[in-house]
Amino acid sequence: MEHFFKINLEAIPRTHRFQARSFFIDEEKKRVVFFSNGSEYYNAAYIIGENGFFKTVDLGRTDTPHYFFGPFVCSNSYVPSLVQIKQKEREEE
């Protein structure tokens, strides 16, 4: 089996161990972005790369803790922006 890059998961601090629900592979930058819900209300993205590169991005709390999105997997050279987009507030009925 051919490998396009290698990461060492043992280099991740134990405080940041997680169960990845979904992931994104960036072959060009040789990084993997894992998406995880660390708790019922907290969501995060973990970016892992070669040579011990590791970064956590807080995606914020959710107002709907029991709303479930299924896992997704994708692989190409596009890295999604982690910039939060302001959403229009819902109108009260």
Protein backbone atom coordinates (compact mmCIF):
# COMPACT_ATOMS: atom_id res chain seq x y z
CA MET A 1 0.00 0.00 0.00
CA GLU A 2 1.35 3.41 -0.97
CA HIS A 3 1.28 6.19 1.65
CA PHE A 4 1.22 9.85 0.66
CA PHE A 5 2.16 11.03 4.16
CA LYS A 6 2.56 9.74 7.68
CA ILE A 7 1.42 11.21 11.00
CA ASN A 8 2.25 10.05 14.51
CA LEU A 9 -0.90 9.96 16.63
CA GLU A 10 1.23 9.29 19.72
CA ALA A 11 2.51 12.88 19.43
CA ILE A 12 -0.97 14.20 20.27
CA PRO A 13 -1.23 15.20 23.96
CA ARG A 14 -3.41 12.80 25.97
CA THR A 15 -5.66 15.72 26.92
CA HIS A 16 -6.53 16.06 23.23
CA ARG A 17 -7.32 12.40 22.49
CA PHE A 18 -10.68 12.15 20.82
CA GLN A 19 -12.96 9.97 18.77
CA ALA A 20 -13.02 11.28 15.23
CA ARG A 21 -16.48 11.22 13.71
CA SER A 22 -15.52 12.74 10.38
CA PHE A 23 -12.31 13.73 8.66
CA PHE A 24 -10.86 15.62 5.73
CA ILE A 25 -7.52 14.81 4.05
CA ASP A 26 -5.43 17.54 2.44
CA GLU A 27 -2.87 15.64 0.38
CA GLU A 28 -1.11 18.79 -0.83
CA LYS A 29 -0.44 20.25 2.64
CA LYS A 30 -0.15 16.77 4.15
CA ARG A 31 -2.65 17.39 6.91
CA VAL A 32 -5.75 15.69 8.22
CA VAL A 33 -8.64 17.59 9.79
CA PHE A 34 -10.73 15.54 12.22
CA PHE A 35 -14.11 16.75 13.39
CA SER A 36 -15.29 15.63 16.78
CA ASN A 37 -17.93 16.43 19.31
CA GLY A 38 -16.05 16.26 22.60
CA SER A 39 -19.24 16.51 24.61
CA GLU A 40 -22.94 16.99 24.09
CA TYR A 41 -22.54 20.73 23.52
CA TYR A 42 -18.92 21.22 22.39
CA ASN A 43 -17.57 20.80 18.86
CA ALA A 44 -13.97 20.96 17.68
CA ALA A 45 -11.71 20.43 14.69
CA TYR A 46 -8.26 18.90 15.18
CA ILE A 47 -5.64 19.53 12.51
CA ILE A 48 -2.81 16.99 12.43
CA GLY A 49 0.17 16.98 10.09
CA GLU A 50 3.67 15.69 9.65
CA ASN A 51 6.54 16.43 12.04
CA GLY A 52 4.27 16.68 15.07
CA PHE A 53 2.02 19.47 13.74
CA PHE A 54 -1.14 19.64 15.87
CA LYS A 55 -3.77 22.36 16.28
CA THR A 56 -7.20 22.46 17.93
CA VAL A 57 -9.88 24.81 16.64
CA ASP A 58 -12.86 25.49 18.90
CA LEU A 59 -15.99 25.40 16.74
CA GLY A 60 -18.14 26.62 19.60
CA ARG A 61 -21.11 25.32 21.48
CA THR A 62 -24.29 24.11 19.88
CA ASP A 63 -27.78 25.21 20.81
CA THR A 64 -29.19 21.87 19.67
CA PRO A 65 -27.17 19.20 21.49
CA HIS A 66 -29.18 16.23 20.26
CA TYR A 67 -29.16 17.20 16.58
CA PHE A 68 -26.97 14.64 14.81
CA PHE A 69 -25.00 15.01 11.60
CA GLY A 70 -23.65 11.79 10.16
CA PRO A 71 -19.92 11.34 9.62
CA PHE A 72 -18.42 12.55 6.36
CA VAL A 73 -15.14 11.76 4.66
CA CYS A 74 -13.52 13.72 1.85
CA SER A 75 -10.13 13.86 0.22
CA ASN A 76 -8.75 16.52 -2.12
CA SER A 77 -6.57 19.60 -2.00
CA TYR A 78 -9.19 22.02 -0.64
CA VAL A 79 -8.93 23.02 3.02
CA PRO A 80 -12.12 24.49 4.45
CA SER A 81 -11.93 27.86 6.17
CA LEU A 82 -12.34 27.79 9.93
CA VAL A 83 -13.62 31.37 9.96
CA GLN A 84 -17.02 31.53 11.65
CA ILE A 85 -19.77 32.98 9.47
CA LYS A 86 -22.30 35.22 11.19
CA GLN A 87 -25.79 33.87 10.76
CA LYS A 88 -28.96 35.90 10.68
CA GLU A 89 -30.91 35.62 13.91
CA ARG A 90 -34.22 33.79 13.72
CA GLU A 91 -37.32 35.94 13.84
CA GLU A 92 -39.64 35.32 16.77
CA GLU A 93 -43.13 34.16 15.77
